[in-house]
Amino acid sequence: MGIRYSFTTARPKSIISKLSKIWVFYTILSVAIIYIGGSYLKIETSIFQSNIHIIEDNMDTQDAKISVINTNTEQLKHEINIDKINKNYNYELQNALNKLFDLIPDQITITQILLEENKLILKGITPTREIYSFLLQAPLKSIFTTSRVDFFPLPNGWFNFTSISVIEKEVQ
């Protein structure tokens, strides 16, 4: 039996200590976590960018729809304005026609009325030129700038007439 210099038996030693192994493990674990986190952020970033592109496309589509709606709104406003003008014009025309019919005496028969913007053409039958002149031509001359009438005798002594009355617009 030999002398022993140590109270414990010798154990095999590793090149890397236990503390170094723990340190290396946690370093590799940290790098792996950072890599996985970076990959996750890269994926999320690409998803967000694709969502941004989709949203921008939707916004462009909505802008185009808004532009169409605004155009349609302007068109409708224009049509409403035209409708108001037409209603006003029709109202004035109806009043003018009612006044015209009130002007026509019972002795004169109107066979045709042609109404243009600034011109009124009346065709009809009158017993005499004087009845036409006193009962219809005088009121027409007071309304229109110029009023001209042509008479055509009928076999029964009455007259066909064609009256052209014009309102000349004033130049401003």
C-alpha atoms as a PDB file:
ATOM      1  CA  MET A   1       0.000   0.000   0.000  1.00  0.00           C
ATOM      2  CA  GLY A   2       1.283   3.224  -0.951  1.00  0.00           C
ATOM      3  CA  ILE A   3       0.899   6.565   0.435  1.00  0.00           C
ATOM      4  CA  ARG A   4      -1.882   8.691  -0.754  1.00  0.00           C
ATOM      5  CA  TYR A   5      -1.459  12.372  -1.137  1.00  0.00           C
ATOM      6  CA  SER A   6      -5.117  13.192  -1.604  1.00  0.00           C
ATOM      7  CA  PHE A   7      -8.208  12.287   0.300  1.00  0.00           C
ATOM      8  CA  THR A   8     -10.307  12.061  -2.871  1.00  0.00           C
ATOM      9  CA  THR A   9      -9.800   9.948  -5.831  1.00  0.00           C
ATOM     10  CA  ALA A  10      -8.866  11.591  -9.093  1.00  0.00           C
ATOM     11  CA  ARG A  11     -11.611  12.287 -11.545  1.00  0.00           C
ATOM     12  CA  PRO A  12     -11.322  12.935 -15.185  1.00  0.00           C
ATOM     13  CA  LYS A  13     -11.269  16.679 -16.102  1.00  0.00           C
ATOM     14  CA  SER A  14     -12.884  18.114 -19.218  1.00  0.00           C
ATOM     15  CA  ILE A  15     -11.297  20.739 -21.389  1.00  0.00           C
ATOM     16  CA  ILE A  16     -14.305  23.084 -20.973  1.00  0.00           C
ATOM     17  CA  SER A  17     -15.440  23.848 -17.496  1.00  0.00           C
ATOM     18  CA  LYS A  18     -18.996  23.500 -16.331  1.00  0.00           C
ATOM     19  CA  LEU A  19     -19.378  27.293 -16.058  1.00  0.00           C
ATOM     20  CA  SER A  20     -18.089  27.743 -19.626  1.00  0.00           C
ATOM     21  CA  LYS A  21     -20.567  25.128 -20.875  1.00  0.00           C
ATOM     22  CA  ILE A  22     -23.449  27.052 -19.243  1.00  0.00           C
ATOM     23  CA  TRP A  23     -22.130  30.309 -20.654  1.00  0.00           C
ATOM     24  CA  VAL A  24     -21.820  28.873 -24.195  1.00  0.00           C
ATOM     25  CA  PHE A  25     -25.326  27.297 -23.944  1.00  0.00           C
ATOM     26  CA  TYR A  26     -26.953  30.577 -22.948  1.00  0.00           C
ATOM     27  CA  THR A  27     -25.009  32.477 -25.602  1.00  0.00           C
ATOM     28  CA  ILE A  28     -26.210  30.049 -28.316  1.00  0.00           C
ATOM     29  CA  LEU A  29     -29.740  30.196 -26.863  1.00  0.00           C
ATOM     30  CA  SER A  30     -29.656  34.029 -26.932  1.00  0.00           C
ATOM     31  CA  VAL A  31     -28.424  34.073 -30.539  1.00  0.00           C
ATOM     32  CA  ALA A  32     -31.162  31.576 -31.509  1.00  0.00           C
ATOM     33  CA  ILE A  33     -33.855  33.670 -29.765  1.00  0.00           C
ATOM     34  CA  ILE A  34     -32.603  36.850 -31.464  1.00  0.00           C
ATOM     35  CA  TYR A  35     -32.529  35.087 -34.850  1.00  0.00           C
ATOM     36  CA  ILE A  36     -36.060  33.682 -34.365  1.00  0.00           C
ATOM     37  CA  GLY A  37     -37.292  37.104 -33.152  1.00  0.00           C
ATOM     38  CA  GLY A  38     -35.687  38.813 -36.153  1.00  0.00           C
ATOM     39  CA  SER A  39     -37.239  36.272 -38.530  1.00  0.00           C
ATOM     40  CA  TYR A  40     -40.627  36.808 -36.864  1.00  0.00           C
ATOM     41  CA  LEU A  41     -40.291  40.606 -37.207  1.00  0.00           C
ATOM     42  CA  LYS A  42     -39.256  40.194 -40.862  1.00  0.00           C
ATOM     43  CA  ILE A  43     -42.360  38.074 -41.551  1.00  0.00           C
ATOM     44  CA  GLU A  44     -44.615  40.516 -39.690  1.00  0.00           C
ATOM     45  CA  THR A  45     -43.058  43.442 -41.585  1.00  0.00           C
ATOM     46  CA  SER A  46     -43.733  41.788 -44.943  1.00  0.00           C
ATOM     47  CA  ILE A  47     -47.320  41.021 -43.856  1.00  0.00           C
ATOM     48  CA  PHE A  48     -47.806  44.644 -42.789  1.00  0.00           C
ATOM     49  CA  GLN A  49     -46.330  45.903 -46.076  1.00  0.00           C
ATOM     50  CA  SER A  50     -48.650  43.681 -48.093  1.00  0.00           C
ATOM     51  CA  ASN A  51     -51.560  44.927 -45.958  1.00  0.00           C
ATOM     52  CA  ILE A  52     -50.422  48.503 -46.609  1.00  0.00           C
ATOM     53  CA  HIS A  53     -50.422  47.832 -50.369  1.00  0.00           C
ATOM     54  CA  ILE A  54     -53.901  46.313 -50.148  1.00  0.00           C
ATOM     55  CA  ILE A  55     -55.143  49.283 -48.116  1.00  0.00           C
ATOM     56  CA  GLU A  56     -53.545  51.751 -50.561  1.00  0.00           C
ATOM     57  CA  ASP A  57     -55.219  49.951 -53.478  1.00  0.00           C
ATOM     58  CA  ASN A  58     -58.545  50.101 -51.613  1.00  0.00           C
ATOM     59  CA  MET A  59     -57.989  53.805 -50.955  1.00  0.00           C
ATOM     60  CA  ASP A  60     -57.277  54.394 -54.659  1.00  0.00           C
ATOM     61  CA  THR A  61     -60.430  52.476 -55.551  1.00  0.00           C
ATOM     62  CA  GLN A  62     -62.433  54.479 -53.010  1.00  0.00           C
ATOM     63  CA  ASP A  63     -60.928  57.731 -54.338  1.00  0.00           C
ATOM     64  CA  ALA A  64     -61.970  56.738 -57.844  1.00  0.00           C
ATOM     65  CA  LYS A  65     -65.484  55.922 -56.603  1.00  0.00           C
ATOM     66  CA  ILE A  66     -65.625  59.250 -54.744  1.00  0.00           C
ATOM     67  CA  SER A  67     -64.547  61.027 -57.923  1.00  0.00           C
ATOM     68  CA  VAL A  68     -67.320  59.276 -59.884  1.00  0.00           C
ATOM     69  CA  ILE A  69     -69.845  60.139 -57.175  1.00  0.00           C
ATOM     70  CA  ASN A  70     -68.714  63.780 -57.183  1.00  0.00           C
ATOM     71  CA  THR A  71     -69.012  63.874 -60.965  1.00  0.00           C
ATOM     72  CA  ASN A  72     -72.481  62.331 -60.769  1.00  0.00           C
ATOM     73  CA  THR A  73     -73.433  64.808 -58.035  1.00  0.00           C
ATOM     74  CA  GLU A  74     -72.304  67.727 -60.185  1.00  0.00           C
ATOM     75  CA  GLN A  75     -74.218  66.297 -63.144  1.00  0.00           C
ATOM     76  CA  LEU A  76     -77.341  65.903 -61.001  1.00  0.00           C
ATOM     77  CA  LYS A  77     -76.981  69.464 -59.702  1.00  0.00           C
ATOM     78  CA  HIS A  78     -76.705  70.656 -63.294  1.00  0.00           C
ATOM     79  CA  GLU A  79     -79.765  68.630 -64.287  1.00  0.00           C
ATOM     80  CA  ILE A  80     -81.704  69.951 -61.275  1.00  0.00           C
ATOM     81  CA  ASN A  81     -80.773  73.481 -62.330  1.00  0.00           C
ATOM     82  CA  ILE A  82     -81.910  72.766 -65.894  1.00  0.00           C
ATOM     83  CA  ASP A  83     -85.124  71.265 -64.510  1.00  0.00           C
ATOM     84  CA  LYS A  84     -85.753  74.406 -62.459  1.00  0.00           C
ATOM     85  CA  ILE A  85     -85.092  76.565 -65.512  1.00  0.00           C
ATOM     86  CA  ASN A  86     -87.422  74.392 -67.603  1.00  0.00           C
ATOM     87  CA  LYS A  87     -90.143  74.516 -64.957  1.00  0.00           C
ATOM     88  CA  ASN A  88     -89.821  78.288 -64.783  1.00  0.00           C
ATOM     89  CA  TYR A  89     -89.825  78.539 -68.581  1.00  0.00           C
ATOM     90  CA  ASN A  90     -92.828  76.201 -68.842  1.00  0.00           C
ATOM     91  CA  TYR A  91     -94.671  78.212 -66.190  1.00  0.00           C
ATOM     92  CA  GLU A  92     -93.971  81.455 -68.022  1.00  0.00           C
ATOM     93  CA  LEU A  93     -94.905  79.846 -71.347  1.00  0.00           C
ATOM     94  CA  GLN A  94     -98.149  78.541 -69.900  1.00  0.00           C
ATOM     95  CA  ASN A  95     -99.004  81.981 -68.546  1.00  0.00           C
ATOM     96  CA  ALA A  96     -98.130  83.564 -71.890  1.00  0.00           C
ATOM     97  CA  LEU A  97    -100.293  81.052 -73.772  1.00  0.00           C
ATOM     98  CA  ASN A  98    -103.194  81.615 -71.392  1.00  0.00           C
ATOM     99  CA  LYS A  99    -102.863  85.358 -71.947  1.00  0.00           C
ATOM    100  CA  LEU A 100    -102.642  84.767 -75.692  1.00  0.00           C
ATOM    101  CA  PHE A 101    -105.814  82.672 -75.678  1.00  0.00           C
ATOM    102  CA  ASP A 102    -107.494  85.383 -73.625  1.00  0.00           C
ATOM    103  CA  LEU A 103    -106.485  87.905 -76.328  1.00  0.00           C
ATOM    104  CA  ILE A 104    -108.142  85.979 -79.138  1.00  0.00           C
ATOM    105  CA  PRO A 105    -111.686  87.272 -79.602  1.00  0.00           C
ATOM    106  CA  ASP A 106    -114.616  84.944 -80.280  1.00  0.00           C
ATOM    107  CA  GLN A 107    -115.064  86.257 -83.850  1.00  0.00           C
ATOM    108  CA  ILE A 108    -111.590  85.039 -84.904  1.00  0.00           C
ATOM    109  CA  THR A 109    -110.809  81.328 -85.298  1.00  0.00           C
ATOM    110  CA  ILE A 110    -107.183  80.244 -84.845  1.00  0.00           C
ATOM    111  CA  THR A 111    -106.186  77.183 -86.899  1.00  0.00           C
ATOM    112  CA  GLN A 112    -102.498  77.036 -86.052  1.00  0.00           C
ATOM    113  CA  ILE A 113    -100.175  78.485 -83.433  1.00  0.00           C
ATOM    114  CA  LEU A 114     -96.407  78.186 -83.831  1.00  0.00           C
ATOM    115  CA  LEU A 115     -94.415  79.489 -80.897  1.00  0.00           C
ATOM    116  CA  GLU A 116     -90.667  79.855 -81.127  1.00  0.00           C
ATOM    117  CA  GLU A 117     -88.297  81.502 -78.690  1.00  0.00           C
ATOM    118  CA  ASN A 118     -88.779  85.060 -79.995  1.00  0.00           C
ATOM    119  CA  LYS A 119     -91.513  84.584 -82.596  1.00  0.00           C
ATOM    120  CA  LEU A 120     -95.234  83.828 -82.624  1.00  0.00           C
ATOM    121  CA  ILE A 121     -96.938  82.717 -85.824  1.00  0.00           C
ATOM    122  CA  LEU A 122    -100.744  82.644 -85.837  1.00  0.00           C
ATOM    123  CA  LYS A 123    -102.843  81.278 -88.674  1.00  0.00           C
ATOM    124  CA  GLY A 124    -106.577  81.492 -88.694  1.00  0.00           C
ATOM    125  CA  ILE A 125    -109.814  82.840 -90.123  1.00  0.00           C
ATOM    126  CA  THR A 126    -111.348  86.268 -89.520  1.00  0.00           C
ATOM    127  CA  PRO A 127    -114.609  87.730 -90.848  1.00  0.00           C
ATOM    128  CA  THR A 128    -112.994  91.070 -91.805  1.00  0.00           C
ATOM    129  CA  ARG A 129    -109.628  92.736 -91.762  1.00  0.00           C
ATOM    130  CA  GLU A 130    -110.939  95.419 -89.419  1.00  0.00           C
ATOM    131  CA  ILE A 131    -112.075  92.914 -86.764  1.00  0.00           C
ATOM    132  CA  TYR A 132    -108.622  91.371 -86.850  1.00  0.00           C
ATOM    133  CA  SER A 133    -106.892  94.769 -86.732  1.00  0.00           C
ATOM    134  CA  PHE A 134    -108.936  96.092 -83.802  1.00  0.00           C
ATOM    135  CA  LEU A 135    -109.408  92.950 -81.746  1.00  0.00           C
ATOM    136  CA  LEU A 136    -106.170  91.007 -82.233  1.00  0.00           C
ATOM    137  CA  GLN A 137    -103.478  92.993 -84.011  1.00  0.00           C
ATOM    138  CA  ALA A 138    -103.550  95.916 -81.554  1.00  0.00           C
ATOM    139  CA  PRO A 139    -102.825  93.701 -78.508  1.00  0.00           C
ATOM    140  CA  LEU A 140    -100.145  91.797 -80.468  1.00  0.00           C
ATOM    141  CA  LYS A 141     -98.403  95.057 -81.429  1.00  0.00           C
ATOM    142  CA  SER A 142     -98.360  96.123 -77.786  1.00  0.00           C
ATOM    143  CA  ILE A 143     -96.655  92.857 -76.757  1.00  0.00           C
ATOM    144  CA  PHE A 144     -94.249  92.217 -79.660  1.00  0.00           C
ATOM    145  CA  THR A 145     -91.603  94.453 -81.224  1.00  0.00           C
ATOM    146  CA  THR A 146     -92.893  93.838 -84.743  1.00  0.00           C
ATOM    147  CA  SER A 147     -96.170  92.332 -85.869  1.00  0.00           C
ATOM    148  CA  ARG A 148     -97.038  91.696 -89.504  1.00  0.00           C
ATOM    149  CA  VAL A 149    -100.128  90.077 -90.980  1.00  0.00           C
ATOM    150  CA  ASP A 150    -100.992  88.793 -94.440  1.00  0.00           C
ATOM    151  CA  PHE A 151    -104.626  88.236 -95.495  1.00  0.00           C
ATOM    152  CA  PHE A 152    -105.901  85.748 -98.072  1.00  0.00           C
ATOM    153  CA  PRO A 153    -109.548  86.114 -99.149  1.00  0.00           C
ATOM    154  CA  LEU A 154    -111.838  83.069 -98.981  1.00  0.00           C
ATOM    155  CA  PRO A 155    -114.777  82.410-101.351  1.00  0.00           C
ATOM    156  CA  ASN A 156    -117.283  83.117 -98.543  1.00  0.00           C
ATOM    157  CA  GLY A 157    -115.923  86.666 -97.955  1.00  0.00           C
ATOM    158  CA  TRP A 158    -113.926  85.846 -94.862  1.00  0.00           C
ATOM    159  CA  PHE A 159    -110.141  85.969 -94.745  1.00  0.00           C
ATOM    160  CA  ASN A 160    -107.400  83.502 -93.944  1.00  0.00           C
ATOM    161  CA  PHE A 161    -104.590  85.288 -92.162  1.00  0.00           C
ATOM    162  CA  THR A 162    -101.022  84.590 -91.200  1.00  0.00           C
ATOM    163  CA  SER A 163     -99.646  86.790 -88.456  1.00  0.00           C
ATOM    164  CA  ILE A 164     -95.941  86.850 -87.598  1.00  0.00           C
ATOM    165  CA  SER A 165     -95.042  88.672 -84.402  1.00  0.00           C
ATOM    166  CA  VAL A 166     -91.428  89.002 -83.221  1.00  0.00           C
ATOM    167  CA  ILE A 167     -89.808  90.140 -79.998  1.00  0.00           C
ATOM    168  CA  GLU A 168     -86.333  91.480 -80.653  1.00  0.00           C
ATOM    169  CA  LYS A 169     -83.966  91.015 -77.736  1.00  0.00           C
ATOM    170  CA  GLU A 170     -82.107  94.041 -76.555  1.00  0.00           C
ATOM    171  CA  VAL A 171     -78.334  93.879 -76.920  1.00  0.00           C
ATOM    172  CA  GLN A 172     -76.625  94.738 -73.653  1.00  0.00           C
END
